[in-house]
Amino acid sequence: MARIAGIDLPKNKNIEVALTYIHGIGRSTARKVLQMAQVDLMKKTDALTDAEVAKIREAIDQNSLKIEGDLRRDVSTNIKRLMDLGTYRGFRHRRSLPVRGQRTHTNARTRKGPRRQIGAKKK
């Protein structure tokens, strides 16, 4: 089983798709990394040799990509900075409301959570 950046890549998937399980790597970045590492895009994850896994790790380091913990820390720091500054976006984050201008009169249930009932149902 290939393990890159603390993530166990899924077995029996193309390596291009498997790399997207790492936070911060999408399809286009995965293609670039695999081209730098000179690994076939269609190769399955469980068919990778240790040398190929090492090449992939090296290619990620050479691109100086922010992945996993570093990226998550940066994102949370940016959100915290917005909240501390008191910006509108920070206020929306603090209240768990949509940040990018979506309507909230209806919809936005994912962000707001389940509906809170105002009064008990009358019989």
PDB file of N, CA and C in Angstrom:
ATOM      1  N   MET A   1       0.847  -1.189   0.000  1.00  0.00           N
ATOM      2  CA  MET A   1       0.000   0.000   0.000  1.00  0.00           C
ATOM      3  C   MET A   1       0.887   1.244   0.000  1.00  0.00           C
ATOM      4  N   ALA A   2       0.605   2.160  -0.913  1.00  0.00           N
ATOM      5  CA  ALA A   2       1.384   3.389  -1.016  1.00  0.00           C
ATOM      6  C   ALA A   2       0.910   4.382   0.044  1.00  0.00           C
ATOM      7  N   ARG A   3       1.873   5.005   0.703  1.00  0.00           N
ATOM      8  CA  ARG A   3       1.560   6.004   1.724  1.00  0.00           C
ATOM      9  C   ARG A   3       2.343   7.268   1.409  1.00  0.00           C
ATOM     10  N   ILE A   4       1.607   8.333   1.090  1.00  0.00           N
ATOM     11  CA  ILE A   4       2.242   9.601   0.744  1.00  0.00           C
ATOM     12  C   ILE A   4       1.612  10.702   1.597  1.00  0.00           C
ATOM     13  N   ALA A   5       2.452  11.510   2.203  1.00  0.00           N
ATOM     14  CA  ALA A   5       2.023  12.648   3.038  1.00  0.00           C
ATOM     15  C   ALA A   5       1.087  12.206   4.154  1.00  0.00           C
ATOM     16  N   GLY A   6       1.333  11.025   4.712  1.00  0.00           N
ATOM     17  CA  GLY A   6       0.529  10.537   5.825  1.00  0.00           C
ATOM     18  C   GLY A   6      -0.824   9.987   5.421  1.00  0.00           C
ATOM     19  N   ILE A   7      -1.063   9.827   4.119  1.00  0.00           N
ATOM     20  CA  ILE A   7      -2.340   9.318   3.618  1.00  0.00           C
ATOM     21  C   ILE A   7      -2.105   7.982   2.932  1.00  0.00           C
ATOM     22  N   ASP A   8      -2.895   6.979   3.304  1.00  0.00           N
ATOM     23  CA  ASP A   8      -2.850   5.696   2.606  1.00  0.00           C
ATOM     24  C   ASP A   8      -3.658   5.830   1.327  1.00  0.00           C
ATOM     25  N   LEU A   9      -3.001   5.693   0.193  1.00  0.00           N
ATOM     26  CA  LEU A   9      -3.701   5.802  -1.081  1.00  0.00           C
ATOM     27  C   LEU A   9      -4.550   4.553  -1.300  1.00  0.00           C
ATOM     28  N   PRO A  10      -5.744   4.696  -1.876  1.00  0.00           N
ATOM     29  CA  PRO A  10      -6.627   3.539  -2.067  1.00  0.00           C
ATOM     30  C   PRO A  10      -6.025   2.543  -3.058  1.00  0.00           C
ATOM     31  N   LYS A  11      -6.301   1.278  -2.828  1.00  0.00           N
ATOM     32  CA  LYS A  11      -5.789   0.224  -3.708  1.00  0.00           C
ATOM     33  C   LYS A  11      -6.621   0.155  -4.972  1.00  0.00           C
ATOM     34  N   ASN A  12      -6.022  -0.368  -6.014  1.00  0.00           N
ATOM     35  CA  ASN A  12      -6.700  -0.684  -7.268  1.00  0.00           C
ATOM     36  C   ASN A  12      -7.390   0.524  -7.912  1.00  0.00           C
ATOM     37  N   LYS A  13      -6.753   1.698  -7.819  1.00  0.00           N
ATOM     38  CA  LYS A  13      -7.219   2.882  -8.533  1.00  0.00           C
ATOM     39  C   LYS A  13      -6.049   3.411  -9.350  1.00  0.00           C
ATOM     40  N   ASN A  14      -6.377   4.137 -10.428  1.00  0.00           N
ATOM     41  CA  ASN A  14      -5.306   4.797 -11.173  1.00  0.00           C
ATOM     42  C   ASN A  14      -4.605   5.762 -10.233  1.00  0.00           C
ATOM     43  N   ILE A  15      -3.286   5.846 -10.361  1.00  0.00           N
ATOM     44  CA  ILE A  15      -2.512   6.683  -9.448  1.00  0.00           C
ATOM     45  C   ILE A  15      -2.917   8.154  -9.580  1.00  0.00           C
ATOM     46  N   GLU A  16      -3.339   8.557 -10.782  1.00  0.00           N
ATOM     47  CA  GLU A  16      -3.781   9.943 -10.996  1.00  0.00           C
ATOM     48  C   GLU A  16      -4.978  10.272 -10.105  1.00  0.00           C
ATOM     49  N   VAL A  17      -5.926   9.338  -9.996  1.00  0.00           N
ATOM     50  CA  VAL A  17      -7.112   9.532  -9.163  1.00  0.00           C
ATOM     51  C   VAL A  17      -6.760   9.351  -7.692  1.00  0.00           C
ATOM     52  N   ALA A  18      -5.900   8.400  -7.396  1.00  0.00           N
ATOM     53  CA  ALA A  18      -5.540   8.105  -6.005  1.00  0.00           C
ATOM     54  C   ALA A  18      -4.837   9.295  -5.344  1.00  0.00           C
ATOM     55  N   LEU A  19      -4.050  10.036  -6.108  1.00  0.00           N
ATOM     56  CA  LEU A  19      -3.347  11.186  -5.532  1.00  0.00           C
ATOM     57  C   LEU A  19      -4.313  12.285  -5.095  1.00  0.00           C
ATOM     58  N   THR A  20      -5.516  12.310  -5.682  1.00  0.00           N
ATOM     59  CA  THR A  20      -6.483  13.340  -5.300  1.00  0.00           C
ATOM     60  C   THR A  20      -7.045  13.107  -3.903  1.00  0.00           C
ATOM     61  N   TYR A  21      -6.768  11.964  -3.290  1.00  0.00           N
ATOM     62  CA  TYR A  21      -7.192  11.719  -1.911  1.00  0.00           C
ATOM     63  C   TYR A  21      -6.359  12.534  -0.927  1.00  0.00           C
ATOM     64  N   ILE A  22      -5.243  13.093  -1.398  1.00  0.00           N
ATOM     65  CA  ILE A  22      -4.402  13.948  -0.569  1.00  0.00           C
ATOM     66  C   ILE A  22      -4.969  15.361  -0.629  1.00  0.00           C
ATOM     67  N   HIS A  23      -5.228  15.960   0.518  1.00  0.00           N
ATOM     68  CA  HIS A  23      -5.801  17.313   0.588  1.00  0.00           C
ATOM     69  C   HIS A  23      -4.822  18.299  -0.036  1.00  0.00           C
ATOM     70  N   GLY A  24      -5.285  19.024  -1.062  1.00  0.00           N
ATOM     71  CA  GLY A  24      -4.443  20.003  -1.726  1.00  0.00           C
ATOM     72  C   GLY A  24      -3.955  19.559  -3.087  1.00  0.00           C
ATOM     73  N   ILE A  25      -4.278  18.319  -3.482  1.00  0.00           N
ATOM     74  CA  ILE A  25      -3.894  17.825  -4.801  1.00  0.00           C
ATOM     75  C   ILE A  25      -5.156  17.447  -5.559  1.00  0.00           C
ATOM     76  N   GLY A  26      -5.346  18.096  -6.701  1.00  0.00           N
ATOM     77  CA  GLY A  26      -6.460  17.778  -7.588  1.00  0.00           C
ATOM     78  C   GLY A  26      -5.952  17.006  -8.792  1.00  0.00           C
ATOM     79  N   ARG A  27      -6.826  16.866  -9.809  1.00  0.00           N
ATOM     80  CA  ARG A  27      -6.445  16.076 -10.986  1.00  0.00           C
ATOM     81  C   ARG A  27      -5.293  16.722 -11.753  1.00  0.00           C
ATOM     82  N   SER A  28      -5.360  18.026 -11.989  1.00  0.00           N
ATOM     83  CA  SER A  28      -4.317  18.662 -12.798  1.00  0.00           C
ATOM     84  C   SER A  28      -2.969  18.639 -12.074  1.00  0.00           C
ATOM     85  N   THR A  29      -2.968  18.877 -10.776  1.00  0.00           N
ATOM     86  CA  THR A  29      -1.727  18.831 -10.007  1.00  0.00           C
ATOM     87  C   THR A  29      -1.183  17.414  -9.967  1.00  0.00           C
ATOM     88  N   ALA A  30      -2.071  16.422  -9.858  1.00  0.00           N
ATOM     89  CA  ALA A  30      -1.639  15.022  -9.846  1.00  0.00           C
ATOM     90  C   ALA A  30      -0.950  14.675 -11.159  1.00  0.00           C
ATOM     91  N   ARG A  31      -1.506  15.157 -12.279  1.00  0.00           N
ATOM     92  CA  ARG A  31      -0.871  14.899 -13.589  1.00  0.00           C
ATOM     93  C   ARG A  31       0.523  15.503 -13.650  1.00  0.00           C
ATOM     94  N   LYS A  32       0.670  16.752 -13.178  1.00  0.00           N
ATOM     95  CA  LYS A  32       1.980  17.414 -13.201  1.00  0.00           C
ATOM     96  C   LYS A  32       2.996  16.654 -12.362  1.00  0.00           C
ATOM     97  N   VAL A  33       2.558  16.237 -11.171  1.00  0.00           N
ATOM     98  CA  VAL A  33       3.458  15.508 -10.271  1.00  0.00           C
ATOM     99  C   VAL A  33       3.891  14.191 -10.904  1.00  0.00           C
ATOM    100  N   LEU A  34       2.960  13.476 -11.521  1.00  0.00           N
ATOM    101  CA  LEU A  34       3.288  12.190 -12.134  1.00  0.00           C
ATOM    102  C   LEU A  34       4.183  12.359 -13.359  1.00  0.00           C
ATOM    103  N   GLN A  35       4.006  13.433 -14.108  1.00  0.00           N
ATOM    104  CA  GLN A  35       4.904  13.688 -15.239  1.00  0.00           C
ATOM    105  C   GLN A  35       6.310  14.002 -14.754  1.00  0.00           C
ATOM    106  N   MET A  36       6.421  14.765 -13.668  1.00  0.00           N
ATOM    107  CA  MET A  36       7.748  15.059 -13.100  1.00  0.00           C
ATOM    108  C   MET A  36       8.412  13.793 -12.580  1.00  0.00           C
ATOM    109  N   ALA A  37       7.603  12.912 -11.981  1.00  0.00           N
ATOM    110  CA  ALA A  37       8.136  11.668 -11.417  1.00  0.00           C
ATOM    111  C   ALA A  37       8.316  10.589 -12.480  1.00  0.00           C
ATOM    112  N   GLN A  38       7.837  10.864 -13.699  1.00  0.00           N
ATOM    113  CA  GLN A  38       7.915   9.915 -14.815  1.00  0.00           C
ATOM    114  C   GLN A  38       7.236   8.589 -14.472  1.00  0.00           C
ATOM    115  N   VAL A  39       6.020   8.705 -13.973  1.00  0.00           N
ATOM    116  CA  VAL A  39       5.200   7.538 -13.652  1.00  0.00           C
ATOM    117  C   VAL A  39       3.993   7.568 -14.579  1.00  0.00           C
ATOM    118  N   ASP A  40       3.594   6.395 -15.074  1.00  0.00           N
ATOM    119  CA  ASP A  40       2.463   6.292 -15.993  1.00  0.00           C
ATOM    120  C   ASP A  40       1.174   6.689 -15.277  1.00  0.00           C
ATOM    121  N   LEU A  41       0.356   7.527 -15.948  1.00  0.00           N
ATOM    122  CA  LEU A  41      -0.897   8.007 -15.359  1.00  0.00           C
ATOM    123  C   LEU A  41      -1.891   6.883 -15.118  1.00  0.00           C
ATOM    124  N   MET A  42      -1.879   5.879 -15.967  1.00  0.00           N
ATOM    125  CA  MET A  42      -2.872   4.810 -15.893  1.00  0.00           C
ATOM    126  C   MET A  42      -2.442   3.661 -14.978  1.00  0.00           C
ATOM    127  N   LYS A  43      -1.288   3.765 -14.379  1.00  0.00           N
ATOM    128  CA  LYS A  43      -0.802   2.694 -13.506  1.00  0.00           C
ATOM    129  C   LYS A  43      -1.653   2.628 -12.243  1.00  0.00           C
ATOM    130  N   LYS A  44      -1.942   1.416 -11.795  1.00  0.00           N
ATOM    131  CA  LYS A  44      -2.739   1.223 -10.575  1.00  0.00           C
ATOM    132  C   LYS A  44      -1.870   1.453  -9.340  1.00  0.00           C
ATOM    133  N   THR A  45      -2.511   1.842  -8.265  1.00  0.00           N
ATOM    134  CA  THR A  45      -1.789   2.166  -7.035  1.00  0.00           C
ATOM    135  C   THR A  45      -1.048   0.957  -6.474  1.00  0.00           C
ATOM    136  N   ASP A  46      -1.689  -0.205  -6.507  1.00  0.00           N
ATOM    137  CA  ASP A  46      -1.036  -1.381  -5.925  1.00  0.00           C
ATOM    138  C   ASP A  46       0.067  -1.937  -6.819  1.00  0.00           C
ATOM    139  N   ALA A  47       0.219  -1.408  -8.041  1.00  0.00           N
ATOM    140  CA  ALA A  47       1.289  -1.855  -8.934  1.00  0.00           C
ATOM    141  C   ALA A  47       2.528  -0.967  -8.829  1.00  0.00           C
ATOM    142  N   LEU A  48       2.487   0.044  -7.976  1.00  0.00           N
ATOM    143  CA  LEU A  48       3.620   0.958  -7.827  1.00  0.00           C
ATOM    144  C   LEU A  48       4.758   0.279  -7.071  1.00  0.00           C
ATOM    145  N   THR A  49       5.975   0.556  -7.500  1.00  0.00           N
ATOM    146  CA  THR A  49       7.144   0.061  -6.766  1.00  0.00           C
ATOM    147  C   THR A  49       7.522   1.103  -5.713  1.00  0.00           C
ATOM    148  N   ASP A  50       8.372   0.704  -4.793  1.00  0.00           N
ATOM    149  CA  ASP A  50       8.825   1.638  -3.752  1.00  0.00           C
ATOM    150  C   ASP A  50       9.596   2.804  -4.359  1.00  0.00           C
ATOM    151  N   ALA A  51      10.346   2.533  -5.429  1.00  0.00           N
ATOM    152  CA  ALA A  51      11.121   3.586  -6.082  1.00  0.00           C
ATOM    153  C   ALA A  51      10.186   4.629  -6.701  1.00  0.00           C
ATOM    154  N   GLU A  52       9.076   4.178  -7.306  1.00  0.00           N
ATOM    155  CA  GLU A  52       8.120   5.105  -7.911  1.00  0.00           C
ATOM    156  C   GLU A  52       7.427   5.953  -6.847  1.00  0.00           C
ATOM    157  N   VAL A  53       7.095   5.340  -5.725  1.00  0.00           N
ATOM    158  CA  VAL A  53       6.473   6.094  -4.627  1.00  0.00           C
ATOM    159  C   VAL A  53       7.443   7.160  -4.120  1.00  0.00           C
ATOM    160  N   ALA A  54       8.718   6.803  -4.019  1.00  0.00           N
ATOM    161  CA  ALA A  54       9.731   7.765  -3.579  1.00  0.00           C
ATOM    162  C   ALA A  54       9.857   8.905  -4.585  1.00  0.00           C
ATOM    163  N   LYS A  55       9.786   8.587  -5.886  1.00  0.00           N
ATOM    164  CA  LYS A  55       9.852   9.630  -6.920  1.00  0.00           C
ATOM    165  C   LYS A  55       8.664  10.579  -6.813  1.00  0.00           C
ATOM    166  N   ILE A  56       7.491  10.033  -6.539  1.00  0.00           N
ATOM    167  CA  ILE A  56       6.288  10.863  -6.402  1.00  0.00           C
ATOM    168  C   ILE A  56       6.426  11.795  -5.203  1.00  0.00           C
ATOM    169  N   ARG A  57       6.900  11.260  -4.074  1.00  0.00           N
ATOM    170  CA  ARG A  57       7.128  12.092  -2.882  1.00  0.00           C
ATOM    171  C   ARG A  57       8.105  13.224  -3.187  1.00  0.00           C
ATOM    172  N   GLU A  58       9.171  12.872  -3.906  1.00  0.00           N
ATOM    173  CA  GLU A  58      10.196  13.845  -4.268  1.00  0.00           C
ATOM    174  C   GLU A  58       9.612  14.941  -5.165  1.00  0.00           C
ATOM    175  N   ALA A  59       8.777  14.539  -6.140  1.00  0.00           N
ATOM    176  CA  ALA A  59       8.164  15.507  -7.065  1.00  0.00           C
ATOM    177  C   ALA A  59       7.249  16.460  -6.312  1.00  0.00           C
ATOM    178  N   ILE A  60       6.527  15.960  -5.314  1.00  0.00           N
ATOM    179  CA  ILE A  60       5.654  16.821  -4.507  1.00  0.00           C
ATOM    180  C   ILE A  60       6.497  17.828  -3.723  1.00  0.00           C
ATOM    181  N   ASP A  61       7.615  17.357  -3.163  1.00  0.00           N
ATOM    182  CA  ASP A  61       8.497  18.255  -2.417  1.00  0.00           C
ATOM    183  C   ASP A  61       9.138  19.301  -3.330  1.00  0.00           C
ATOM    184  N   GLN A  62       9.526  18.897  -4.556  1.00  0.00           N
ATOM    185  CA  GLN A  62      10.164  19.829  -5.491  1.00  0.00           C
ATOM    186  C   GLN A  62       9.207  20.930  -5.915  1.00  0.00           C
ATOM    187  N   ASN A  63       7.933  20.586  -6.094  1.00  0.00           N
ATOM    188  CA  ASN A  63       6.942  21.587  -6.472  1.00  0.00           C
ATOM    189  C   ASN A  63       6.598  22.505  -5.313  1.00  0.00           C
ATOM    190  N   SER A  64       7.096  22.181  -4.135  1.00  0.00           N
ATOM    191  CA  SER A  64       6.803  22.903  -2.889  1.00  0.00           C
ATOM    192  C   SER A  64       5.299  23.146  -2.748  1.00  0.00           C
ATOM    193  N   LEU A  65       4.542  22.068  -2.911  1.00  0.00           N
ATOM    194  CA  LEU A  65       3.087  22.124  -2.771  1.00  0.00           C
ATOM    195  C   LEU A  65       2.723  22.131  -1.294  1.00  0.00           C
ATOM    196  N   LYS A  66       1.757  22.944  -0.938  1.00  0.00           N
ATOM    197  CA  LYS A  66       1.208  22.881   0.418  1.00  0.00           C
ATOM    198  C   LYS A  66       0.121  21.832   0.412  1.00  0.00           C
ATOM    199  N   ILE A  67       0.313  20.784   1.190  1.00  0.00           N
ATOM    200  CA  ILE A  67      -0.672  19.704   1.234  1.00  0.00           C
ATOM    201  C   ILE A  67      -0.951  19.338   2.683  1.00  0.00           C
ATOM    202  N   GLU A  68      -2.056  18.667   2.873  1.00  0.00           N
ATOM    203  CA  GLU A  68      -2.489  18.133   4.167  1.00  0.00           C
ATOM    204  C   GLU A  68      -2.383  19.138   5.306  1.00  0.00           C
ATOM    205  N   GLY A  69      -1.588  18.873   6.324  1.00  0.00           N
ATOM    206  CA  GLY A  69      -1.570  19.662   7.553  1.00  0.00           C
ATOM    207  C   GLY A  69      -1.223  21.119   7.338  1.00  0.00           C
ATOM    208  N   ASP A  70      -0.199  21.385   6.510  1.00  0.00           N
ATOM    209  CA  ASP A  70       0.215  22.768   6.261  1.00  0.00           C
ATOM    210  C   ASP A  70      -0.911  23.562   5.608  1.00  0.00           C
ATOM    211  N   LEU A  71      -1.569  22.963   4.625  1.00  0.00           N
ATOM    212  CA  LEU A  71      -2.655  23.647   3.921  1.00  0.00           C
ATOM    213  C   LEU A  71      -3.843  23.888   4.840  1.00  0.00           C
ATOM    214  N   ARG A  72      -4.213  22.865   5.614  1.00  0.00           N
ATOM    215  CA  ARG A  72      -5.336  23.014   6.549  1.00  0.00           C
ATOM    216  C   ARG A  72      -5.042  24.114   7.577  1.00  0.00           C
ATOM    217  N   ARG A  73      -3.803  24.164   8.061  1.00  0.00           N
ATOM    218  CA  ARG A  73      -3.411  25.176   9.044  1.00  0.00           C
ATOM    219  C   ARG A  73      -3.490  26.572   8.434  1.00  0.00           C
ATOM    220  N   ASP A  74      -3.025  26.715   7.194  1.00  0.00           N
ATOM    221  CA  ASP A  74      -3.075  28.014   6.524  1.00  0.00           C
ATOM    222  C   ASP A  74      -4.512  28.487   6.332  1.00  0.00           C
ATOM    223  N   VAL A  75      -5.383  27.578   5.899  1.00  0.00           N
ATOM    224  CA  VAL A  75      -6.789  27.940   5.670  1.00  0.00           C
ATOM    225  C   VAL A  75      -7.447  28.366   6.972  1.00  0.00           C
ATOM    226  N   SER A  76      -7.220  27.594   8.043  1.00  0.00           N
ATOM    227  CA  SER A  76      -7.844  27.956   9.321  1.00  0.00           C
ATOM    228  C   SER A  76      -7.270  29.257   9.872  1.00  0.00           C
ATOM    229  N   THR A  77      -5.977  29.510   9.637  1.00  0.00           N
ATOM    230  CA  THR A  77      -5.370  30.768  10.065  1.00  0.00           C
ATOM    231  C   THR A  77      -5.979  31.944   9.322  1.00  0.00           C
ATOM    232  N   ASN A  78      -6.203  31.772   8.013  1.00  0.00           N
ATOM    233  CA  ASN A  78      -6.811  32.843   7.220  1.00  0.00           C
ATOM    234  C   ASN A  78      -8.225  33.152   7.700  1.00  0.00           C
ATOM    235  N   ILE A  79      -9.000  32.105   8.006  1.00  0.00           N
ATOM    236  CA  ILE A  79     -10.368  32.302   8.491  1.00  0.00           C
ATOM    237  C   ILE A  79     -10.347  33.002   9.849  1.00  0.00           C
ATOM    238  N   LYS A  80      -9.439  32.563  10.713  1.00  0.00           N
ATOM    239  CA  LYS A  80      -9.321  33.171  12.041  1.00  0.00           C
ATOM    240  C   LYS A  80      -8.926  34.647  11.930  1.00  0.00           C
ATOM    241  N   ARG A  81      -8.042  34.972  10.981  1.00  0.00           N
ATOM    242  CA  ARG A  81      -7.627  36.361  10.764  1.00  0.00           C
ATOM    243  C   ARG A  81      -8.813  37.219  10.342  1.00  0.00           C
ATOM    244  N   LEU A  82      -9.649  36.695   9.434  1.00  0.00           N
ATOM    245  CA  LEU A  82     -10.838  37.429   9.002  1.00  0.00           C
ATOM    246  C   LEU A  82     -11.783  37.682  10.172  1.00  0.00           C
ATOM    247  N   MET A  83     -11.927  36.675  11.034  1.00  0.00           N
ATOM    248  CA  MET A  83     -12.820  36.822  12.183  1.00  0.00           C
ATOM    249  C   MET A  83     -12.275  37.854  13.168  1.00  0.00           C
ATOM    250  N   ASP A  84     -10.958  37.851  13.388  1.00  0.00           N
ATOM    251  CA  ASP A  84     -10.347  38.794  14.321  1.00  0.00           C
ATOM    252  C   ASP A  84     -10.434  40.231  13.818  1.00  0.00           C
ATOM    253  N   LEU A  85     -10.308  40.405  12.493  1.00  0.00           N
ATOM    254  CA  LEU A  85     -10.389  41.747  11.914  1.00  0.00           C
ATOM    255  C   LEU A  85     -11.803  42.299  11.941  1.00  0.00           C
ATOM    256  N   GLY A  86     -12.770  41.422  12.075  1.00  0.00           N
ATOM    257  CA  GLY A  86     -14.161  41.854  12.104  1.00  0.00           C
ATOM    258  C   GLY A  86     -14.720  42.141  10.726  1.00  0.00           C
ATOM    259  N   THR A  87     -14.179  41.498   9.717  1.00  0.00           N
ATOM    260  CA  THR A  87     -14.686  41.708   8.363  1.00  0.00           C
ATOM    261  C   THR A  87     -16.047  41.026   8.209  1.00  0.00           C
ATOM    262  N   TYR A  88     -16.727  41.381   7.131  1.00  0.00           N
ATOM    263  CA  TYR A  88     -18.037  40.773   6.856  1.00  0.00           C
ATOM    264  C   TYR A  88     -17.891  39.264   6.676  1.00  0.00           C
ATOM    265  N   ARG A  89     -16.870  38.853   5.927  1.00  0.00           N
ATOM    266  CA  ARG A  89     -16.650  37.416   5.721  1.00  0.00           C
ATOM    267  C   ARG A  89     -16.357  36.701   7.039  1.00  0.00           C
ATOM    268  N   GLY A  90     -15.583  37.359   7.908  1.00  0.00           N
ATOM    269  CA  GLY A  90     -15.291  36.773   9.212  1.00  0.00           C
ATOM    270  C   GLY A  90     -16.537  36.637  10.059  1.00  0.00           C
ATOM    271  N   PHE A  91     -17.398  37.645   9.980  1.00  0.00           N
ATOM    272  CA  PHE A  91     -18.670  37.616  10.699  1.00  0.00           C
ATOM    273  C   PHE A  91     -19.525  36.449  10.220  1.00  0.00           C
ATOM    274  N   ARG A  92     -19.576  36.223   8.912  1.00  0.00           N
ATOM    275  CA  ARG A  92     -20.357  35.113   8.350  1.00  0.00           C
ATOM    276  C   ARG A  92     -19.776  33.771   8.800  1.00  0.00           C
ATOM    277  N   HIS A  93     -18.454  33.668   8.854  1.00  0.00           N
ATOM    278  CA  HIS A  93     -17.832  32.436   9.357  1.00  0.00           C
ATOM    279  C   HIS A  93     -18.200  32.208  10.814  1.00  0.00           C
ATOM    280  N   ARG A  94     -18.141  33.272  11.620  1.00  0.00           N
ATOM    281  CA  ARG A  94     -18.420  33.161  13.043  1.00  0.00           C
ATOM    282  C   ARG A  94     -19.847  32.687  13.293  1.00  0.00           C
ATOM    283  N   ARG A  95     -20.788  33.164  12.477  1.00  0.00           N
ATOM    284  CA  ARG A  95     -22.195  32.807  12.641  1.00  0.00           C
ATOM    285  C   ARG A  95     -22.594  31.531  11.910  1.00  0.00           C
ATOM    286  N   SER A  96     -21.648  30.881  11.255  1.00  0.00           N
ATOM    287  CA  SER A  96     -21.909  29.658  10.471  1.00  0.00           C
ATOM    288  C   SER A  96     -22.962  29.894   9.401  1.00  0.00           C
ATOM    289  N   LEU A  97     -22.809  30.977   8.668  1.00  0.00           N
ATOM    290  CA  LEU A  97     -23.695  31.308   7.558  1.00  0.00           C
ATOM    291  C   LEU A  97     -22.903  31.246   6.264  1.00  0.00           C
ATOM    292  N   PRO A  98     -23.579  31.169   5.109  1.00  0.00           N
ATOM    293  CA  PRO A  98     -22.845  31.149   3.843  1.00  0.00           C
ATOM    294  C   PRO A  98     -21.997  32.412   3.686  1.00  0.00           C
ATOM    295  N   VAL A  99     -20.784  32.243   3.192  1.00  0.00           N
ATOM    296  CA  VAL A  99     -19.821  33.329   3.146  1.00  0.00           C
ATOM    297  C   VAL A  99     -19.832  34.040   1.800  1.00  0.00           C
ATOM    298  N   ARG A 100     -20.232  33.361   0.750  1.00  0.00           N
ATOM    299  CA  ARG A 100     -20.026  33.897  -0.599  1.00  0.00           C
ATOM    300  C   ARG A 100     -21.287  34.444  -1.253  1.00  0.00           C
ATOM    301  N   GLY A 101     -22.184  35.025  -0.473  1.00  0.00           N
ATOM    302  CA  GLY A 101     -23.294  35.765  -1.037  1.00  0.00           C
ATOM    303  C   GLY A 101     -24.525  34.948  -1.376  1.00  0.00           C
ATOM    304  N   GLN A 102     -24.597  33.702  -0.946  1.00  0.00           N
ATOM    305  CA  GLN A 102     -25.780  32.904  -1.247  1.00  0.00           C
ATOM    306  C   GLN A 102     -26.954  33.364  -0.400  1.00  0.00           C
ATOM    307  N   ARG A 103     -28.164  33.048  -0.851  1.00  0.00           N
ATOM    308  CA  ARG A 103     -29.351  33.433  -0.109  1.00  0.00           C
ATOM    309  C   ARG A 103     -29.514  32.526   1.111  1.00  0.00           C
ATOM    310  N   THR A 104     -30.136  33.068   2.157  1.00  0.00           N
ATOM    311  CA  THR A 104     -30.335  32.275   3.369  1.00  0.00           C
ATOM    312  C   THR A 104     -31.787  32.209   3.790  1.00  0.00           C
ATOM    313  N   HIS A 105     -32.666  32.962   3.131  1.00  0.00           N
ATOM    314  CA  HIS A 105     -34.091  32.914   3.495  1.00  0.00           C
ATOM    315  C   HIS A 105     -34.607  31.487   3.328  1.00  0.00           C
ATOM    316  N   THR A 106     -34.295  30.901   2.195  1.00  0.00           N
ATOM    317  CA  THR A 106     -34.521  29.462   2.014  1.00  0.00           C
ATOM    318  C   THR A 106     -33.149  28.876   1.710  1.00  0.00           C
ATOM    319  N   ASN A 107     -33.035  27.584   1.753  1.00  0.00           N
ATOM    320  CA  ASN A 107     -31.765  26.890   1.473  1.00  0.00           C
ATOM    321  C   ASN A 107     -30.729  27.170   2.559  1.00  0.00           C
ATOM    322  N   ALA A 108     -29.474  26.930   2.282  1.00  0.00           N
ATOM    323  CA  ALA A 108     -28.348  27.096   3.221  1.00  0.00           C
ATOM    324  C   ALA A 108     -28.451  26.154   4.406  1.00  0.00           C
ATOM    325  N   ARG A 109     -29.172  25.049   4.261  1.00  0.00           N
ATOM    326  CA  ARG A 109     -29.348  24.133   5.395  1.00  0.00           C
ATOM    327  C   ARG A 109     -28.049  23.435   5.758  1.00  0.00           C
ATOM    328  N   THR A 110     -27.177  23.182   4.807  1.00  0.00           N
ATOM    329  CA  THR A 110     -25.919  22.515   5.116  1.00  0.00           C
ATOM    330  C   THR A 110     -25.098  23.371   6.064  1.00  0.00           C
ATOM    331  N   ARG A 111     -25.045  24.649   5.804  1.00  0.00           N
ATOM    332  CA  ARG A 111     -24.244  25.557   6.600  1.00  0.00           C
ATOM    333  C   ARG A 111     -24.917  25.890   7.932  1.00  0.00           C
ATOM    334  N   LYS A 112     -26.246  26.048   7.924  1.00  0.00           N
ATOM    335  CA  LYS A 112     -26.970  26.461   9.127  1.00  0.00           C
ATOM    336  C   LYS A 112     -27.316  25.296  10.047  1.00  0.00           C
ATOM    337  N   GLY A 113     -27.308  24.077   9.523  1.00  0.00           N
ATOM    338  CA  GLY A 113     -27.659  22.915  10.327  1.00  0.00           C
ATOM    339  C   GLY A 113     -29.138  22.603  10.226  1.00  0.00           C
ATOM    340  N   PRO A 114     -29.606  21.611  10.958  1.00  0.00           N
ATOM    341  CA  PRO A 114     -31.016  21.230  10.874  1.00  0.00           C
ATOM    342  C   PRO A 114     -31.936  22.342  11.382  1.00  0.00           C
ATOM    343  N   ARG A 115     -33.173  22.336  10.884  1.00  0.00           N
ATOM    344  CA  ARG A 115     -34.141  23.370  11.271  1.00  0.00           C
ATOM    345  C   ARG A 115     -34.443  23.301  12.760  1.00  0.00           C
ATOM    346  N   ARG A 116     -34.550  24.471  13.377  1.00  0.00           N
ATOM    347  CA  ARG A 116     -34.953  24.536  14.783  1.00  0.00           C
ATOM    348  C   ARG A 116     -36.443  24.855  14.813  1.00  0.00           C
ATOM    349  N   GLN A 117     -37.179  24.052  15.534  1.00  0.00           N
ATOM    350  CA  GLN A 117     -38.619  24.231  15.571  1.00  0.00           C
ATOM    351  C   GLN A 117     -38.966  25.393  16.499  1.00  0.00           C
ATOM    352  N   ILE A 118     -39.855  26.252  16.036  1.00  0.00           N
ATOM    353  CA  ILE A 118     -40.200  27.456  16.805  1.00  0.00           C
ATOM    354  C   ILE A 118     -41.145  27.105  17.947  1.00  0.00           C
ATOM    355  N   GLY A 119     -42.218  26.392  17.651  1.00  0.00           N
ATOM    356  CA  GLY A 119     -43.164  25.999  18.703  1.00  0.00           C
ATOM    357  C   GLY A 119     -43.496  24.526  18.557  1.00  0.00           C
ATOM    358  N   ALA A 120     -44.001  23.943  19.622  1.00  0.00           N
ATOM    359  CA  ALA A 120     -44.403  22.540  19.550  1.00  0.00           C
ATOM    360  C   ALA A 120     -45.576  22.396  18.605  1.00  0.00           C
ATOM    361  N   LYS A 121     -45.649  21.296  17.946  1.00  0.00           N
ATOM    362  CA  LYS A 121     -46.746  21.061  16.987  1.00  0.00           C
ATOM    363  C   LYS A 121     -48.062  20.877  17.734  1.00  0.00           C
ATOM    364  N   LYS A 122     -49.104  21.617  17.302  1.00  0.00           N
ATOM    365  CA  LYS A 122     -50.408  21.534  17.961  1.00  0.00           C
ATOM    366  C   LYS A 122     -51.199  20.377  17.398  1.00  0.00           C
ATOM    367  N   LYS A 123     -52.016  19.757  18.259  1.00  0.00           N
ATOM    368  CA  LYS A 123     -52.838  18.635  17.813  1.00  0.00           C
ATOM    369  C   LYS A 123     -54.229  19.066  17.518  1.00  0.00           C
TER     370      LYS A 123
END
